């Protein structure tokens, strides 16, 4: 199975990215995590993206805050899917990062999840990889079934509590 790269603009993004790493590991998806800056180490970021396919990656996650250009720099350097994770900062609660990530020029897409929504980024990456992998697809289908069962159980529990009111 192809690997997923998780690239952070700063090591301070690790608390945001940790749920994605955990989710990918739970799905047995090999993951590499690196810090690369669109502004401070652009050559390294571009070189990583340019060689990502030949190095066995299928998807790249790009987490960055503030002037969140990391996803765009990576996407400009590869045709692999890049999923942007805008990270919140003290200023503007991550809306600046969201807009910088989502507003890409035609021809260089960056799929973008919500602010700090790293787990959704991991699940989107898994869904992309699962297109050609029945075992992974089965895990995702089971995960959705488990979530639905949990909601149904919560409703059952609620109905019992309501009888006591």
N, C-alpha and C. Protein backbone atom coordinates (compact mmCIF):
# COMPACT_ATOMS: atom_id res chain seq x y z
N UNK A 1 0.85 -1.18 0.00
CA UNK A 1 0.00 0.00 0.00
C UNK A 1 0.89 1.23 0.00
N UNK A 2 0.43 2.27 -0.66
CA UNK A 2 1.14 3.54 -0.70
C UNK A 2 1.18 4.16 0.71
N UNK A 3 2.19 4.98 0.94
CA UNK A 3 2.36 5.65 2.22
C UNK A 3 1.68 7.02 2.18
N UNK A 4 1.50 7.60 3.38
CA UNK A 4 1.00 8.96 3.51
C UNK A 4 2.09 9.79 4.17
N UNK A 5 2.40 10.92 3.57
CA UNK A 5 3.33 11.87 4.17
C UNK A 5 2.53 12.91 4.94
N UNK A 6 2.98 13.20 6.14
CA UNK A 6 2.38 14.25 6.96
C UNK A 6 3.46 15.32 7.12
N UNK A 7 3.26 16.46 6.48
CA UNK A 7 4.24 17.53 6.50
C UNK A 7 3.67 18.70 7.30
N UNK A 8 4.43 19.12 8.31
CA UNK A 8 4.02 20.25 9.14
C UNK A 8 4.91 21.44 8.84
N UNK A 9 4.33 22.62 8.86
CA UNK A 9 5.12 23.82 8.67
C UNK A 9 5.99 24.15 9.85
N UNK A 10 5.64 23.63 11.02
CA UNK A 10 6.38 23.89 12.25
C UNK A 10 6.13 22.73 13.21
N UNK A 11 7.09 22.48 14.08
CA UNK A 11 6.88 21.43 15.07
C UNK A 11 5.76 21.80 16.05
N UNK A 12 5.41 23.07 16.12
CA UNK A 12 4.31 23.49 16.98
C UNK A 12 2.96 23.00 16.46
N UNK A 13 2.93 22.50 15.22
CA UNK A 13 1.69 21.95 14.64
C UNK A 13 1.44 20.50 15.06
N UNK A 14 2.38 19.89 15.78
CA UNK A 14 2.23 18.48 16.14
C UNK A 14 0.95 18.19 16.92
N UNK A 15 0.56 19.01 17.90
CA UNK A 15 -0.70 18.69 18.59
C UNK A 15 -1.91 18.66 17.66
N UNK A 16 -1.89 19.47 16.62
CA UNK A 16 -2.98 19.47 15.64
C UNK A 16 -2.91 18.21 14.79
N UNK A 17 -1.71 17.82 14.40
CA UNK A 17 -1.50 16.72 13.47
C UNK A 17 -1.59 15.34 14.14
N UNK A 18 -1.36 15.28 15.43
CA UNK A 18 -1.33 13.99 16.14
C UNK A 18 -2.56 13.10 15.87
N UNK A 19 -3.78 13.64 15.86
CA UNK A 19 -4.93 12.77 15.56
C UNK A 19 -4.86 12.12 14.17
N UNK A 20 -4.27 12.80 13.21
CA UNK A 20 -4.12 12.22 11.87
C UNK A 20 -3.13 11.06 11.91
N UNK A 21 -2.02 11.28 12.59
CA UNK A 21 -1.00 10.22 12.70
C UNK A 21 -1.61 9.00 13.38
N UNK A 22 -2.32 9.23 14.46
CA UNK A 22 -2.97 8.13 15.20
C UNK A 22 -3.97 7.38 14.30
N UNK A 23 -4.79 8.13 13.58
CA UNK A 23 -5.80 7.50 12.71
C UNK A 23 -5.15 6.68 11.61
N UNK A 24 -4.11 7.21 10.98
CA UNK A 24 -3.42 6.48 9.92
C UNK A 24 -2.79 5.20 10.47
N UNK A 25 -2.21 5.27 11.65
CA UNK A 25 -1.63 4.08 12.27
C UNK A 25 -2.70 3.04 12.59
N UNK A 26 -3.86 3.50 13.08
CA UNK A 26 -4.96 2.57 13.38
C UNK A 26 -5.43 1.84 12.13
N UNK A 27 -5.29 2.48 10.99
CA UNK A 27 -5.68 1.86 9.72
C UNK A 27 -4.52 1.12 9.06
N UNK A 28 -3.40 1.02 9.76
CA UNK A 28 -2.19 0.33 9.27
C UNK A 28 -1.64 0.95 7.99
N UNK A 29 -1.71 2.28 7.91
CA UNK A 29 -1.16 2.99 6.77
C UNK A 29 0.20 3.54 7.19
N UNK A 30 1.23 3.16 6.45
CA UNK A 30 2.57 3.64 6.76
C UNK A 30 2.62 5.16 6.58
N UNK A 31 3.23 5.81 7.54
CA UNK A 31 3.23 7.27 7.58
C UNK A 31 4.63 7.78 7.87
N UNK A 32 5.00 8.84 7.19
CA UNK A 32 6.22 9.58 7.52
C UNK A 32 5.80 10.99 7.89
N UNK A 33 6.42 11.52 8.94
CA UNK A 33 6.08 12.86 9.43
C UNK A 33 7.34 13.72 9.40
N UNK A 34 7.22 14.92 8.82
CA UNK A 34 8.36 15.82 8.71
C UNK A 34 7.94 17.27 8.95
N UNK A 35 8.89 18.10 9.33
CA UNK A 35 8.70 19.54 9.38
C UNK A 35 9.41 20.14 8.18
N UNK A 36 8.65 20.88 7.37
CA UNK A 36 9.19 21.60 6.22
C UNK A 36 8.40 22.89 6.09
N UNK A 37 9.08 23.96 5.83
CA UNK A 37 8.43 25.26 5.75
C UNK A 37 8.36 25.74 4.31
N UNK A 38 7.19 26.22 3.93
CA UNK A 38 7.04 26.81 2.59
C UNK A 38 7.90 28.06 2.44
N UNK A 39 8.20 28.71 3.56
CA UNK A 39 8.92 29.97 3.50
C UNK A 39 10.38 29.86 3.93
N UNK A 40 10.69 28.95 4.86
CA UNK A 40 12.05 28.85 5.37
C UNK A 40 12.86 27.73 4.71
N UNK A 41 12.17 26.68 4.25
CA UNK A 41 12.86 25.57 3.56
C UNK A 41 12.10 25.18 2.30
N UNK A 42 11.82 26.11 1.43
CA UNK A 42 11.00 25.80 0.25
C UNK A 42 11.65 24.78 -0.67
N UNK A 43 12.96 24.82 -0.81
CA UNK A 43 13.62 23.87 -1.71
C UNK A 43 13.46 22.45 -1.20
N UNK A 44 13.58 22.26 0.11
CA UNK A 44 13.41 20.92 0.68
C UNK A 44 11.97 20.44 0.52
N UNK A 45 11.02 21.34 0.74
CA UNK A 45 9.61 20.97 0.59
C UNK A 45 9.31 20.57 -0.85
N UNK A 46 9.79 21.36 -1.80
CA UNK A 46 9.55 21.05 -3.21
C UNK A 46 10.24 19.75 -3.62
N UNK A 47 11.47 19.54 -3.15
CA UNK A 47 12.20 18.31 -3.48
C UNK A 47 11.47 17.09 -2.91
N UNK A 48 10.96 17.22 -1.70
CA UNK A 48 10.21 16.10 -1.10
C UNK A 48 9.01 15.76 -1.97
N UNK A 49 8.23 16.78 -2.34
CA UNK A 49 7.03 16.54 -3.14
C UNK A 49 7.38 15.99 -4.52
N UNK A 50 8.44 16.50 -5.13
CA UNK A 50 8.84 16.03 -6.46
C UNK A 50 9.20 14.55 -6.46
N UNK A 51 9.76 14.06 -5.37
CA UNK A 51 10.18 12.65 -5.30
C UNK A 51 9.19 11.77 -4.54
N UNK A 52 8.09 12.32 -4.08
CA UNK A 52 7.16 11.57 -3.22
C UNK A 52 6.60 10.33 -3.91
N UNK A 53 6.20 10.45 -5.15
CA UNK A 53 5.62 9.29 -5.85
C UNK A 53 6.64 8.16 -5.95
N UNK A 54 7.86 8.48 -6.39
CA UNK A 54 8.89 7.44 -6.53
C UNK A 54 9.33 6.88 -5.19
N UNK A 55 9.06 7.62 -4.11
CA UNK A 55 9.40 7.14 -2.76
C UNK A 55 8.24 6.40 -2.10
N UNK A 56 7.20 6.10 -2.85
CA UNK A 56 6.13 5.23 -2.37
C UNK A 56 4.95 5.92 -1.72
N UNK A 57 4.85 7.23 -1.84
CA UNK A 57 3.72 7.94 -1.24
C UNK A 57 2.55 7.98 -2.20
N UNK A 58 1.34 7.99 -1.63
CA UNK A 58 0.13 8.10 -2.43
C UNK A 58 -0.62 9.38 -2.15
N UNK A 59 -0.40 9.97 -0.97
CA UNK A 59 -1.09 11.18 -0.55
C UNK A 59 -0.14 11.97 0.35
N UNK A 60 -0.27 13.29 0.30
CA UNK A 60 0.50 14.16 1.19
C UNK A 60 -0.47 15.02 1.99
N UNK A 61 -0.31 15.02 3.32
CA UNK A 61 -1.04 15.94 4.18
C UNK A 61 -0.13 17.11 4.49
N UNK A 62 -0.66 18.32 4.42
CA UNK A 62 0.13 19.54 4.66
C UNK A 62 -0.55 20.38 5.72
N UNK A 63 0.05 20.45 6.90
CA UNK A 63 -0.52 21.22 8.01
C UNK A 63 0.28 22.50 8.22
N UNK A 64 -0.42 23.62 8.20
CA UNK A 64 0.26 24.91 8.40
C UNK A 64 -0.74 25.94 8.90
N UNK A 65 -0.22 26.90 9.63
CA UNK A 65 -1.03 28.00 10.14
C UNK A 65 -0.59 29.32 9.55
N UNK A 66 -1.31 30.35 9.91
CA UNK A 66 -1.04 31.73 9.48
C UNK A 66 -0.95 31.81 7.95
N UNK A 67 0.20 32.18 7.42
CA UNK A 67 0.39 32.24 5.96
C UNK A 67 0.63 30.82 5.48
N UNK A 68 -0.45 30.05 5.37
CA UNK A 68 -0.38 28.60 5.17
C UNK A 68 -0.19 28.25 3.70
N UNK A 69 1.01 28.47 3.21
CA UNK A 69 1.30 28.20 1.81
C UNK A 69 1.92 26.82 1.58
N UNK A 70 2.11 26.05 2.64
CA UNK A 70 2.79 24.76 2.51
C UNK A 70 2.05 23.83 1.55
N UNK A 71 0.75 23.70 1.69
CA UNK A 71 -0.01 22.83 0.79
C UNK A 71 0.16 23.22 -0.66
N UNK A 72 0.14 24.50 -0.94
CA UNK A 72 0.31 24.97 -2.30
C UNK A 72 1.69 24.70 -2.86
N UNK A 73 2.71 24.89 -2.05
CA UNK A 73 4.08 24.61 -2.49
C UNK A 73 4.24 23.12 -2.81
N UNK A 74 3.69 22.27 -1.95
CA UNK A 74 3.77 20.82 -2.18
C UNK A 74 2.97 20.44 -3.42
N UNK A 75 1.75 20.96 -3.53
CA UNK A 75 0.89 20.62 -4.67
C UNK A 75 1.48 21.09 -5.99
N UNK A 76 2.19 22.20 -5.98
CA UNK A 76 2.82 22.71 -7.20
C UNK A 76 3.96 21.83 -7.67
N UNK A 77 4.44 20.96 -6.76
CA UNK A 77 5.61 20.14 -7.05
C UNK A 77 5.29 18.66 -7.26
N UNK A 78 4.01 18.29 -7.25
CA UNK A 78 3.62 16.89 -7.44
C UNK A 78 2.21 16.84 -8.01
N UNK A 79 1.87 15.70 -8.61
CA UNK A 79 0.48 15.48 -9.01
C UNK A 79 -0.21 14.52 -8.06
N UNK A 80 0.46 14.14 -6.98
CA UNK A 80 -0.20 13.36 -5.94
C UNK A 80 -1.25 14.23 -5.25
N UNK A 81 -2.30 13.62 -4.70
CA UNK A 81 -3.26 14.42 -3.94
C UNK A 81 -2.59 15.04 -2.72
N UNK A 82 -2.83 16.32 -2.52
CA UNK A 82 -2.36 17.04 -1.34
C UNK A 82 -3.59 17.50 -0.58
N UNK A 83 -3.61 17.19 0.71
CA UNK A 83 -4.73 17.58 1.57
C UNK A 83 -4.21 18.59 2.58
N UNK A 84 -4.77 19.78 2.55
CA UNK A 84 -4.35 20.84 3.46
C UNK A 84 -5.09 20.77 4.78
N UNK A 85 -4.35 20.97 5.85
CA UNK A 85 -4.92 21.07 7.20
C UNK A 85 -4.59 22.47 7.72
N UNK A 86 -5.53 23.40 7.63
CA UNK A 86 -5.27 24.72 8.19
C UNK A 86 -5.22 24.63 9.71
N UNK A 87 -4.19 25.23 10.30
CA UNK A 87 -4.02 25.20 11.75
C UNK A 87 -4.38 26.56 12.33
N UNK A 88 -5.10 26.54 13.44
CA UNK A 88 -5.49 27.81 14.05
C UNK A 88 -4.29 28.45 14.74
N UNK A 89 -4.35 29.75 14.79
CA UNK A 89 -3.34 30.54 15.49
C UNK A 89 -4.09 31.56 16.35
N UNK A 90 -3.36 32.31 17.13
CA UNK A 90 -3.99 33.30 18.00
C UNK A 90 -4.73 34.37 17.21
N UNK A 91 -4.22 34.65 16.02
CA UNK A 91 -4.85 35.66 15.18
C UNK A 91 -5.85 34.99 14.23
N UNK A 92 -7.07 35.47 14.21
CA UNK A 92 -8.11 35.05 13.27
C UNK A 92 -8.58 33.60 13.42
N UNK A 93 -8.19 32.89 14.47
CA UNK A 93 -8.66 31.52 14.74
C UNK A 93 -8.49 30.57 13.57
N UNK A 94 -7.48 30.76 12.76
CA UNK A 94 -7.20 29.85 11.67
C UNK A 94 -7.88 30.18 10.35
N UNK A 95 -8.69 31.23 10.34
CA UNK A 95 -9.35 31.59 9.08
C UNK A 95 -8.34 32.04 8.02
N UNK A 96 -7.27 32.69 8.47
CA UNK A 96 -6.22 33.08 7.52
C UNK A 96 -5.59 31.85 6.89
N UNK A 97 -5.33 30.83 7.71
CA UNK A 97 -4.75 29.58 7.21
C UNK A 97 -5.74 28.86 6.29
N UNK A 98 -7.01 28.87 6.67
CA UNK A 98 -8.04 28.23 5.84
C UNK A 98 -8.08 28.87 4.45
N UNK A 99 -8.12 30.17 4.40
CA UNK A 99 -8.21 30.84 3.11
C UNK A 99 -6.94 30.66 2.29
N UNK A 100 -5.78 30.70 2.95
CA UNK A 100 -4.52 30.51 2.22
C UNK A 100 -4.42 29.10 1.65
N UNK A 101 -5.02 28.13 2.34
CA UNK A 101 -4.96 26.73 1.90
C UNK A 101 -5.97 26.44 0.80
N UNK A 102 -7.16 26.95 0.95
CA UNK A 102 -8.25 26.59 0.04
C UNK A 102 -8.22 27.38 -1.27
N UNK A 103 -7.70 28.58 -1.25
CA UNK A 103 -7.74 29.45 -2.44
C UNK A 103 -6.50 29.22 -3.31
N UNK A 104 -6.58 28.21 -4.14
CA UNK A 104 -5.47 27.84 -5.03
C UNK A 104 -5.82 28.21 -6.47
N UNK A 105 -4.80 28.50 -7.27
CA UNK A 105 -5.07 28.83 -8.67
C UNK A 105 -5.51 27.59 -9.45
N UNK A 106 -6.23 27.78 -10.55
CA UNK A 106 -6.66 26.64 -11.36
C UNK A 106 -5.47 25.77 -11.77
N UNK A 107 -5.66 24.47 -11.65
CA UNK A 107 -4.64 23.52 -12.07
C UNK A 107 -3.75 23.01 -10.96
N UNK A 108 -3.79 23.64 -9.79
CA UNK A 108 -2.97 23.22 -8.64
C UNK A 108 -3.90 23.05 -7.44
N UNK A 109 -4.68 21.96 -7.40
CA UNK A 109 -5.64 21.81 -6.31
C UNK A 109 -4.99 21.36 -5.00
N UNK A 110 -5.55 21.85 -3.91
CA UNK A 110 -5.25 21.35 -2.58
C UNK A 110 -6.60 21.06 -1.93
N UNK A 111 -6.90 19.79 -1.70
CA UNK A 111 -8.11 19.45 -0.97
C UNK A 111 -7.92 19.98 0.44
N UNK A 112 -8.96 20.56 1.02
CA UNK A 112 -8.79 21.21 2.31
C UNK A 112 -9.88 20.76 3.27
N UNK A 113 -9.46 20.40 4.48
CA UNK A 113 -10.40 20.05 5.54
C UNK A 113 -10.56 21.26 6.45
N UNK A 114 -11.39 21.14 7.45
CA UNK A 114 -11.63 22.25 8.36
C UNK A 114 -10.40 22.59 9.20
N UNK A 115 -10.47 23.73 9.86
CA UNK A 115 -9.39 24.18 10.72
C UNK A 115 -9.14 23.14 11.81
N UNK A 116 -7.90 22.71 11.92
CA UNK A 116 -7.45 21.71 12.91
C UNK A 116 -8.10 20.33 12.71
N UNK A 117 -8.68 20.06 11.56
CA UNK A 117 -9.41 18.81 11.31
C UNK A 117 -8.48 17.73 10.74
N UNK A 118 -7.41 17.45 11.47
CA UNK A 118 -6.41 16.49 10.99
C UNK A 118 -6.96 15.08 10.85
N UNK A 119 -7.85 14.68 11.75
CA UNK A 119 -8.41 13.33 11.65
C UNK A 119 -9.18 13.17 10.33
N UNK A 120 -9.93 14.19 9.95
CA UNK A 120 -10.65 14.12 8.67
C UNK A 120 -9.67 14.07 7.51
N UNK A 121 -8.55 14.77 7.62
CA UNK A 121 -7.54 14.70 6.56
C UNK A 121 -7.00 13.29 6.42
N UNK A 122 -6.77 12.64 7.55
CA UNK A 122 -6.27 11.25 7.53
C UNK A 122 -7.31 10.32 6.91
N UNK A 123 -8.57 10.53 7.26
CA UNK A 123 -9.62 9.68 6.70
C UNK A 123 -9.80 9.92 5.20
N UNK A 124 -9.67 11.16 4.77
CA UNK A 124 -9.74 11.43 3.33
C UNK A 124 -8.57 10.78 2.61
N UNK A 125 -7.39 10.85 3.19
CA UNK A 125 -6.23 10.17 2.60
C UNK A 125 -6.48 8.67 2.52
N UNK A 126 -7.04 8.09 3.58
CA UNK A 126 -7.34 6.66 3.58
C UNK A 126 -8.36 6.31 2.50
N UNK A 127 -9.37 7.15 2.33
CA UNK A 127 -10.38 6.89 1.30
C UNK A 127 -9.75 6.93 -0.09
N UNK A 128 -8.83 7.85 -0.30
CA UNK A 128 -8.13 7.93 -1.60
C UNK A 128 -7.34 6.65 -1.84
N UNK A 129 -6.59 6.21 -0.83
CA UNK A 129 -5.80 4.98 -0.98
C UNK A 129 -6.68 3.74 -1.09
N UNK A 130 -7.86 3.78 -0.49
CA UNK A 130 -8.74 2.61 -0.50
C UNK A 130 -9.38 2.35 -1.85
N UNK A 131 -9.33 3.31 -2.76
CA UNK A 131 -9.90 3.11 -4.09
C UNK A 131 -9.28 1.87 -4.74
N UNK A 132 -8.02 1.62 -4.50
CA UNK A 132 -7.37 0.45 -5.08
C UNK A 132 -6.99 -0.61 -4.06
N UNK A 133 -7.63 -0.59 -2.88
CA UNK A 133 -7.23 -1.51 -1.82
C UNK A 133 -8.47 -1.98 -1.06
N UNK A 134 -8.93 -3.19 -1.37
CA UNK A 134 -10.15 -3.71 -0.75
C UNK A 134 -10.02 -3.89 0.76
N UNK A 135 -8.86 -4.28 1.24
CA UNK A 135 -8.68 -4.46 2.69
C UNK A 135 -8.86 -3.14 3.43
N UNK A 136 -8.28 -2.08 2.90
CA UNK A 136 -8.43 -0.76 3.52
C UNK A 136 -9.87 -0.29 3.42
N UNK A 137 -10.50 -0.52 2.27
CA UNK A 137 -11.90 -0.13 2.12
C UNK A 137 -12.77 -0.85 3.15
N UNK A 138 -12.51 -2.14 3.39
CA UNK A 138 -13.26 -2.88 4.39
C UNK A 138 -13.10 -2.27 5.79
N UNK A 139 -11.89 -1.82 6.11
CA UNK A 139 -11.66 -1.17 7.41
C UNK A 139 -12.46 0.12 7.53
N UNK A 140 -12.50 0.89 6.44
CA UNK A 140 -13.25 2.14 6.47
C UNK A 140 -14.76 1.89 6.57
N UNK A 141 -15.24 0.90 5.86
CA UNK A 141 -16.66 0.55 5.93
C UNK A 141 -17.01 0.11 7.36
N UNK A 142 -16.16 -0.70 7.97
CA UNK A 142 -16.41 -1.15 9.35
C UNK A 142 -16.36 0.02 10.33
N UNK A 143 -15.44 0.93 10.12
CA UNK A 143 -15.34 2.10 10.99
C UNK A 143 -16.62 2.93 10.93
N UNK A 144 -17.16 3.11 9.73
CA UNK A 144 -18.42 3.85 9.58
C UNK A 144 -19.58 3.11 10.25
N UNK A 145 -19.59 1.80 10.10
CA UNK A 145 -20.64 1.00 10.74
C UNK A 145 -20.55 1.12 12.26
N UNK A 146 -19.34 1.11 12.80
CA UNK A 146 -19.14 1.26 14.24
C UNK A 146 -19.62 2.62 14.72
N UNK A 147 -19.33 3.66 13.94
CA UNK A 147 -19.79 5.01 14.31
C UNK A 147 -21.32 5.07 14.33
N UNK A 148 -21.95 4.47 13.33
CA UNK A 148 -23.41 4.47 13.27
C UNK A 148 -24.00 3.70 14.46
N UNK A 149 -23.39 2.58 14.80
CA UNK A 149 -23.86 1.80 15.95
C UNK A 149 -23.74 2.60 17.24
N UNK A 150 -22.67 3.36 17.38
CA UNK A 150 -22.48 4.18 18.58
C UNK A 150 -23.57 5.26 18.68
N UNK A 151 -23.93 5.86 17.55
CA UNK A 151 -24.99 6.87 17.57
C UNK A 151 -26.33 6.23 17.93
N UNK A 152 -26.62 5.06 17.35
CA UNK A 152 -27.87 4.37 17.67
C UNK A 152 -27.92 4.01 19.17
N UNK A 153 -26.79 3.60 19.74
CA UNK A 153 -26.75 3.28 21.16
C UNK A 153 -27.00 4.53 22.01
N UNK A 154 -26.45 5.66 21.60
CA UNK A 154 -26.68 6.91 22.32
C UNK A 154 -28.16 7.28 22.28
N UNK A 155 -28.81 7.06 21.14
CA UNK A 155 -30.23 7.34 21.06
C UNK A 155 -31.03 6.41 21.97
N UNK A 156 -30.67 5.14 22.01
CA UNK A 156 -31.33 4.18 22.90
C UNK A 156 -31.17 4.63 24.35
N UNK A 157 -29.96 5.02 24.72
CA UNK A 157 -29.70 5.48 26.08
C UNK A 157 -30.51 6.74 26.40
N UNK A 158 -30.60 7.66 25.44
CA UNK A 158 -31.37 8.88 25.62
C UNK A 158 -32.85 8.55 25.84
N UNK A 159 -33.39 7.63 25.04
CA UNK A 159 -34.80 7.28 25.19
C UNK A 159 -35.09 6.72 26.58
N UNK A 160 -34.18 5.94 27.13
CA UNK A 160 -34.34 5.41 28.49
C UNK A 160 -34.33 6.53 29.51
N UNK A 161 -33.43 7.51 29.35
CA UNK A 161 -33.36 8.65 30.27
C UNK A 161 -34.63 9.48 30.19
N UNK A 162 -35.17 9.64 28.98
CA UNK A 162 -36.38 10.43 28.81
C UNK A 162 -37.58 9.80 29.49
N UNK A 163 -37.60 8.49 29.59
CA UNK A 163 -38.70 7.80 30.28
C UNK A 163 -38.71 8.12 31.77
N UNK A 164 -37.54 8.49 32.30
CA UNK A 164 -37.42 8.78 33.73
C UNK A 164 -37.76 10.22 34.06
N UNK A 165 -37.91 11.04 33.05
CA UNK A 165 -38.20 12.47 33.31
C UNK A 165 -39.68 12.67 33.56
